[in-house]
Amino acid sequence: MVFKVISGVGSDISLLWSSADLLNEDKQQALNVDSAFPEHYKNRLVPNWQAMNPKEARVAVYEKENEVLSIVFDAANSDNSNWFTADRVISSPWTDLNTNLPYFFTITGYPARPFYIASAHNGCDTDYGWICVSKQTCQWELRLPDKTVMYSKLQTAAVWSAYENIGIADVLIVYIR
């Protein structure tokens, strides 16, 4: 585990990921897969990504300590931002991620939705995608606390405003190996 986002904790996740700062690295409870420790986590391996030269990275989403999805990436010869791209996806829970090419695929967000994999943006009511950390711009985000981890529960991308198809996670975790 090198990074952990707690749903609803409203700090700047994009800035935390891209900075040299570490967070809660000395707190053992931050390494749990639940949200009992209500702060984000960042390990020193994130700013030293290239020195570590991980072979794989995995983004996993948890609800009540159960992993509900994960996306595995080829991280070989990557840095701490370019591993999170569509062409590096090894596996994902969505059957259309490689065929319905995402318009946004970014860690630092558009413009501030971190870990954002989404497609068409034709107005908030018709925006759809696979995963994001909300930023309180569209109506579909306003029903939840800022910085909530959201994902498509379908086998494909989902319209963000179709609440029955959107899962709300407790945490999002980045692992490397």
C-alpha atoms as a PDB file:
ATOM      1  CA  MET A   1       0.000   0.000   0.000  1.00  0.00           C
ATOM      2  CA  VAL A   2       1.437   3.337  -1.053  1.00  0.00           C
ATOM      3  CA  PHE A   3      -1.611   5.613  -1.066  1.00  0.00           C
ATOM      4  CA  LYS A   4      -5.052   5.606   0.505  1.00  0.00           C
ATOM      5  CA  VAL A   5      -8.014   7.939  -0.007  1.00  0.00           C
ATOM      6  CA  ILE A   6     -10.762   8.026   2.601  1.00  0.00           C
ATOM      7  CA  SER A   7     -14.166   8.854   1.093  1.00  0.00           C
ATOM      8  CA  GLY A   8     -15.551  12.174   2.262  1.00  0.00           C
ATOM      9  CA  VAL A   9     -12.278  13.549   3.660  1.00  0.00           C
ATOM     10  CA  GLY A  10     -12.090  16.875   1.863  1.00  0.00           C
ATOM     11  CA  SER A  11      -8.389  17.574   1.448  1.00  0.00           C
ATOM     12  CA  ASP A  12      -6.750  18.063  -1.960  1.00  0.00           C
ATOM     13  CA  ILE A  13      -5.998  14.517  -3.076  1.00  0.00           C
ATOM     14  CA  SER A  14      -4.461  15.595  -6.388  1.00  0.00           C
ATOM     15  CA  LEU A  15      -1.999  17.870  -4.628  1.00  0.00           C
ATOM     16  CA  LEU A  16      -1.194  15.198  -2.052  1.00  0.00           C
ATOM     17  CA  TRP A  17      -0.437  12.633  -4.770  1.00  0.00           C
ATOM     18  CA  SER A  18       1.752  14.952  -6.858  1.00  0.00           C
ATOM     19  CA  SER A  19       3.672  16.604  -4.000  1.00  0.00           C
ATOM     20  CA  ALA A  20       6.784  15.306  -2.276  1.00  0.00           C
ATOM     21  CA  ASP A  21       4.866  15.358   1.013  1.00  0.00           C
ATOM     22  CA  LEU A  22       4.170  12.182   2.966  1.00  0.00           C
ATOM     23  CA  LEU A  23       1.109  11.688   5.122  1.00  0.00           C
ATOM     24  CA  ASN A  24       0.455   9.413   8.090  1.00  0.00           C
ATOM     25  CA  GLU A  25       3.310   7.137   7.131  1.00  0.00           C
ATOM     26  CA  ASP A  26       4.032   6.671  10.839  1.00  0.00           C
ATOM     27  CA  LYS A  27       0.452   5.659  11.685  1.00  0.00           C
ATOM     28  CA  GLN A  28      -0.036   1.883  11.612  1.00  0.00           C
ATOM     29  CA  GLN A  29      -3.848   2.218  11.630  1.00  0.00           C
ATOM     30  CA  ALA A  30      -3.663   4.129   8.326  1.00  0.00           C
ATOM     31  CA  LEU A  31      -2.729   0.831   6.648  1.00  0.00           C
ATOM     32  CA  ASN A  32      -6.083  -0.809   7.370  1.00  0.00           C
ATOM     33  CA  VAL A  33      -8.468  -1.235   4.428  1.00  0.00           C
ATOM     34  CA  ASP A  34     -11.284   0.513   6.267  1.00  0.00           C
ATOM     35  CA  SER A  35     -12.042   4.144   7.040  1.00  0.00           C
ATOM     36  CA  ALA A  36     -11.752   3.872  10.845  1.00  0.00           C
ATOM     37  CA  PHE A  37      -8.650   6.078  10.736  1.00  0.00           C
ATOM     38  CA  PRO A  38     -10.284   9.097   9.042  1.00  0.00           C
ATOM     39  CA  GLU A  39      -7.274  10.523   7.205  1.00  0.00           C
ATOM     40  CA  HIS A  40      -5.574   9.866   3.873  1.00  0.00           C
ATOM     41  CA  TYR A  41      -2.243   8.038   3.667  1.00  0.00           C
ATOM     42  CA  LYS A  42       0.804   8.560   1.458  1.00  0.00           C
ATOM     43  CA  ASN A  43       3.975   6.500   1.597  1.00  0.00           C
ATOM     44  CA  ARG A  44       7.461   7.713   0.596  1.00  0.00           C
ATOM     45  CA  LEU A  45       7.356   5.284  -2.342  1.00  0.00           C
ATOM     46  CA  VAL A  46       4.984   7.576  -4.262  1.00  0.00           C
ATOM     47  CA  PRO A  47       7.484  10.448  -4.749  1.00  0.00           C
ATOM     48  CA  ASN A  48      10.260   7.848  -5.230  1.00  0.00           C
ATOM     49  CA  TRP A  49       8.267   5.791  -7.746  1.00  0.00           C
ATOM     50  CA  GLN A  50      10.955   5.601 -10.420  1.00  0.00           C
ATOM     51  CA  ALA A  51      13.624   4.512  -7.948  1.00  0.00           C
ATOM     52  CA  MET A  52      11.344   1.686  -6.817  1.00  0.00           C
ATOM     53  CA  ASN A  53      10.544   0.749 -10.431  1.00  0.00           C
ATOM     54  CA  PRO A  54       7.368  -1.223  -9.635  1.00  0.00           C
ATOM     55  CA  LYS A  55       6.233  -3.818 -12.133  1.00  0.00           C
ATOM     56  CA  GLU A  56       2.531  -3.482 -11.335  1.00  0.00           C
ATOM     57  CA  ALA A  57       0.230  -0.994  -9.713  1.00  0.00           C
ATOM     58  CA  ARG A  58      -3.263  -1.748  -8.534  1.00  0.00           C
ATOM     59  CA  VAL A  59      -6.109   0.577  -7.609  1.00  0.00           C
ATOM     60  CA  ALA A  60      -8.550  -1.160  -5.284  1.00  0.00           C
ATOM     61  CA  VAL A  61     -11.843   0.099  -3.900  1.00  0.00           C
ATOM     62  CA  TYR A  62     -13.285  -1.131  -0.606  1.00  0.00           C
ATOM     63  CA  GLU A  63     -16.661  -1.061   1.115  1.00  0.00           C
ATOM     64  CA  LYS A  64     -16.871  -2.238   4.718  1.00  0.00           C
ATOM     65  CA  GLU A  65     -13.365  -3.765   4.451  1.00  0.00           C
ATOM     66  CA  ASN A  66     -14.348  -5.814   1.378  1.00  0.00           C
ATOM     67  CA  GLU A  67     -12.633  -5.208  -1.930  1.00  0.00           C
ATOM     68  CA  VAL A  68     -15.360  -4.494  -4.484  1.00  0.00           C
ATOM     69  CA  LEU A  69     -13.153  -3.840  -7.507  1.00  0.00           C
ATOM     70  CA  SER A  70      -9.585  -3.422  -8.623  1.00  0.00           C
ATOM     71  CA  ILE A  71      -7.791  -2.225 -11.718  1.00  0.00           C
ATOM     72  CA  VAL A  72      -4.326  -3.625 -12.414  1.00  0.00           C
ATOM     73  CA  PHE A  73      -1.773  -1.621 -14.402  1.00  0.00           C
ATOM     74  CA  ASP A  74       1.555  -2.428 -16.021  1.00  0.00           C
ATOM     75  CA  ALA A  75       3.800  -0.052 -14.085  1.00  0.00           C
ATOM     76  CA  ALA A  76       7.136  -1.115 -15.605  1.00  0.00           C
ATOM     77  CA  ASN A  77       9.278   1.868 -16.601  1.00  0.00           C
ATOM     78  CA  SER A  78       6.665   4.322 -15.367  1.00  0.00           C
ATOM     79  CA  ASP A  79       6.660   7.352 -13.109  1.00  0.00           C
ATOM     80  CA  ASN A  80       4.103   8.211 -10.452  1.00  0.00           C
ATOM     81  CA  SER A  81       1.688   9.718 -12.946  1.00  0.00           C
ATOM     82  CA  ASN A  82       2.016   7.921 -16.287  1.00  0.00           C
ATOM     83  CA  TRP A  83       1.260   4.429 -14.935  1.00  0.00           C
ATOM     84  CA  PHE A  84      -2.405   5.431 -14.617  1.00  0.00           C
ATOM     85  CA  THR A  85      -3.323   5.335 -18.313  1.00  0.00           C
ATOM     86  CA  ALA A  86      -5.686   3.299 -20.464  1.00  0.00           C
ATOM     87  CA  ASP A  87      -2.893   1.655 -22.448  1.00  0.00           C
ATOM     88  CA  ARG A  88      -1.333   0.269 -19.240  1.00  0.00           C
ATOM     89  CA  VAL A  89      -4.495  -1.457 -17.963  1.00  0.00           C
ATOM     90  CA  ILE A  90      -3.883  -5.192 -17.522  1.00  0.00           C
ATOM     91  CA  SER A  91      -7.259  -5.991 -16.010  1.00  0.00           C
ATOM     92  CA  SER A  92     -10.359  -4.173 -14.826  1.00  0.00           C
ATOM     93  CA  PRO A  93     -13.869  -5.119 -13.720  1.00  0.00           C
ATOM     94  CA  TRP A  94     -15.412  -3.300 -16.693  1.00  0.00           C
ATOM     95  CA  THR A  95     -15.780  -5.018 -20.062  1.00  0.00           C
ATOM     96  CA  ASP A  96     -15.863  -1.754 -22.035  1.00  0.00           C
ATOM     97  CA  LEU A  97     -12.878   0.085 -20.556  1.00  0.00           C
ATOM     98  CA  ASN A  98     -10.631  -0.900 -23.467  1.00  0.00           C
ATOM     99  CA  THR A  99     -13.277  -0.554 -26.185  1.00  0.00           C
ATOM    100  CA  ASN A 100     -15.086   2.600 -25.026  1.00  0.00           C
ATOM    101  CA  LEU A 101     -11.932   4.650 -24.773  1.00  0.00           C
ATOM    102  CA  PRO A 102     -12.045   7.038 -21.824  1.00  0.00           C
ATOM    103  CA  TYR A 103     -11.935  10.747 -22.509  1.00  0.00           C
ATOM    104  CA  PHE A 104     -10.431  11.355 -19.065  1.00  0.00           C
ATOM    105  CA  PHE A 105      -7.960   8.962 -17.470  1.00  0.00           C
ATOM    106  CA  THR A 106      -6.101  10.889 -14.825  1.00  0.00           C
ATOM    107  CA  ILE A 107      -4.810  10.688 -11.268  1.00  0.00           C
ATOM    108  CA  THR A 108      -4.716  14.427 -10.702  1.00  0.00           C
ATOM    109  CA  GLY A 109      -8.166  14.966 -12.077  1.00  0.00           C
ATOM    110  CA  TYR A 110     -10.294  16.969 -14.429  1.00  0.00           C
ATOM    111  CA  PRO A 111     -10.137  19.612 -13.227  1.00  0.00           C
ATOM    112  CA  ALA A 112     -10.113  18.332  -9.672  1.00  0.00           C
ATOM    113  CA  ARG A 113     -11.631  14.845  -9.691  1.00  0.00           C
ATOM    114  CA  PRO A 114      -8.721  12.583  -8.741  1.00  0.00           C
ATOM    115  CA  PHE A 115      -8.445   9.010  -9.977  1.00  0.00           C
ATOM    116  CA  TYR A 116     -10.901   9.915 -12.697  1.00  0.00           C
ATOM    117  CA  ILE A 117     -11.750   7.533 -15.513  1.00  0.00           C
ATOM    118  CA  ALA A 118     -14.667   8.938 -17.452  1.00  0.00           C
ATOM    119  CA  SER A 119     -16.031   9.327 -20.920  1.00  0.00           C
ATOM    120  CA  ALA A 120     -18.393  11.845 -22.480  1.00  0.00           C
ATOM    121  CA  HIS A 121     -19.031  15.182 -20.807  1.00  0.00           C
ATOM    122  CA  ASN A 122     -22.139  16.552 -22.460  1.00  0.00           C
ATOM    123  CA  GLY A 123     -23.533  18.244 -19.373  1.00  0.00           C
ATOM    124  CA  CYS A 124     -23.733  16.878 -15.867  1.00  0.00           C
ATOM    125  CA  ASP A 125     -26.902  14.834 -16.421  1.00  0.00           C
ATOM    126  CA  THR A 126     -25.323  12.729 -19.168  1.00  0.00           C
ATOM    127  CA  ASP A 127     -21.729  12.458 -17.911  1.00  0.00           C
ATOM    128  CA  TYR A 128     -20.622   8.882 -17.491  1.00  0.00           C
ATOM    129  CA  GLY A 129     -17.588   6.926 -16.461  1.00  0.00           C
ATOM    130  CA  TRP A 130     -16.036   4.153 -14.450  1.00  0.00           C
ATOM    131  CA  ILE A 131     -14.475   5.655 -11.309  1.00  0.00           C
ATOM    132  CA  CYS A 132     -13.841   9.040  -9.692  1.00  0.00           C
ATOM    133  CA  VAL A 133     -13.353  10.953  -6.487  1.00  0.00           C
ATOM    134  CA  SER A 134     -16.082  13.597  -6.493  1.00  0.00           C
ATOM    135  CA  LYS A 135     -15.490  17.350  -6.539  1.00  0.00           C
ATOM    136  CA  GLN A 136     -18.940  18.859  -5.834  1.00  0.00           C
ATOM    137  CA  THR A 137     -19.611  20.401  -9.250  1.00  0.00           C
ATOM    138  CA  CYS A 138     -22.452  18.374 -10.730  1.00  0.00           C
ATOM    139  CA  GLN A 139     -25.765  17.468  -9.106  1.00  0.00           C
ATOM    140  CA  TRP A 140     -24.767  13.805  -9.010  1.00  0.00           C
ATOM    141  CA  GLU A 141     -21.896  14.747  -6.680  1.00  0.00           C
ATOM    142  CA  LEU A 142     -23.796  17.144  -4.435  1.00  0.00           C
ATOM    143  CA  ARG A 143     -25.788  14.365  -2.773  1.00  0.00           C
ATOM    144  CA  LEU A 144     -22.560  13.113  -1.168  1.00  0.00           C
ATOM    145  CA  PRO A 145     -19.695  14.640   0.816  1.00  0.00           C
ATOM    146  CA  ASP A 146     -16.876  16.200  -1.203  1.00  0.00           C
ATOM    147  CA  LYS A 147     -14.124  13.758  -2.214  1.00  0.00           C
ATOM    148  CA  THR A 148     -16.360  10.689  -2.186  1.00  0.00           C
ATOM    149  CA  VAL A 149     -15.033   7.645  -4.072  1.00  0.00           C
ATOM    150  CA  MET A 150     -17.621   6.650  -6.685  1.00  0.00           C
ATOM    151  CA  TYR A 151     -17.563   3.837  -9.230  1.00  0.00           C
ATOM    152  CA  SER A 152     -19.740   2.076 -11.787  1.00  0.00           C
ATOM    153  CA  LYS A 153     -21.372  -1.037 -10.333  1.00  0.00           C
ATOM    154  CA  LEU A 154     -22.136  -2.191 -13.876  1.00  0.00           C
ATOM    155  CA  GLN A 155     -19.839  -4.238 -16.085  1.00  0.00           C
ATOM    156  CA  THR A 156     -19.559  -1.068 -18.176  1.00  0.00           C
ATOM    157  CA  ALA A 157     -19.330   2.669 -17.624  1.00  0.00           C
ATOM    158  CA  ALA A 158     -22.368   4.179 -15.913  1.00  0.00           C
ATOM    159  CA  VAL A 159     -24.127   7.526 -16.113  1.00  0.00           C
ATOM    160  CA  TRP A 160     -23.081   9.248 -12.878  1.00  0.00           C
ATOM    161  CA  SER A 161     -26.613  10.547 -12.250  1.00  0.00           C
ATOM    162  CA  ALA A 162     -28.101   7.012 -12.429  1.00  0.00           C
ATOM    163  CA  TYR A 163     -27.587   6.489  -8.707  1.00  0.00           C
ATOM    164  CA  GLU A 164     -28.738   2.881  -8.715  1.00  0.00           C
ATOM    165  CA  ASN A 165     -25.706   2.021 -10.900  1.00  0.00           C
ATOM    166  CA  ILE A 166     -23.142   3.938  -8.849  1.00  0.00           C
ATOM    167  CA  GLY A 167     -21.294   2.454  -5.912  1.00  0.00           C
ATOM    168  CA  ILE A 168     -19.977   4.541  -3.050  1.00  0.00           C
ATOM    169  CA  ALA A 169     -16.729   3.243  -1.564  1.00  0.00           C
ATOM    170  CA  ASP A 170     -15.220   3.808   1.856  1.00  0.00           C
ATOM    171  CA  VAL A 171     -11.636   3.857   0.579  1.00  0.00           C
ATOM    172  CA  LEU A 172      -9.532   3.796  -2.569  1.00  0.00           C
ATOM    173  CA  ILE A 173      -6.067   2.282  -2.225  1.00  0.00           C
ATOM    174  CA  VAL A 174      -3.050   2.205  -4.545  1.00  0.00           C
ATOM    175  CA  TYR A 175      -0.736  -0.799  -4.210  1.00  0.00           C
ATOM    176  CA  ILE A 176       2.520  -1.481  -6.032  1.00  0.00           C
ATOM    177  CA  ARG A 177       4.741  -4.524  -6.459  1.00  0.00           C
END
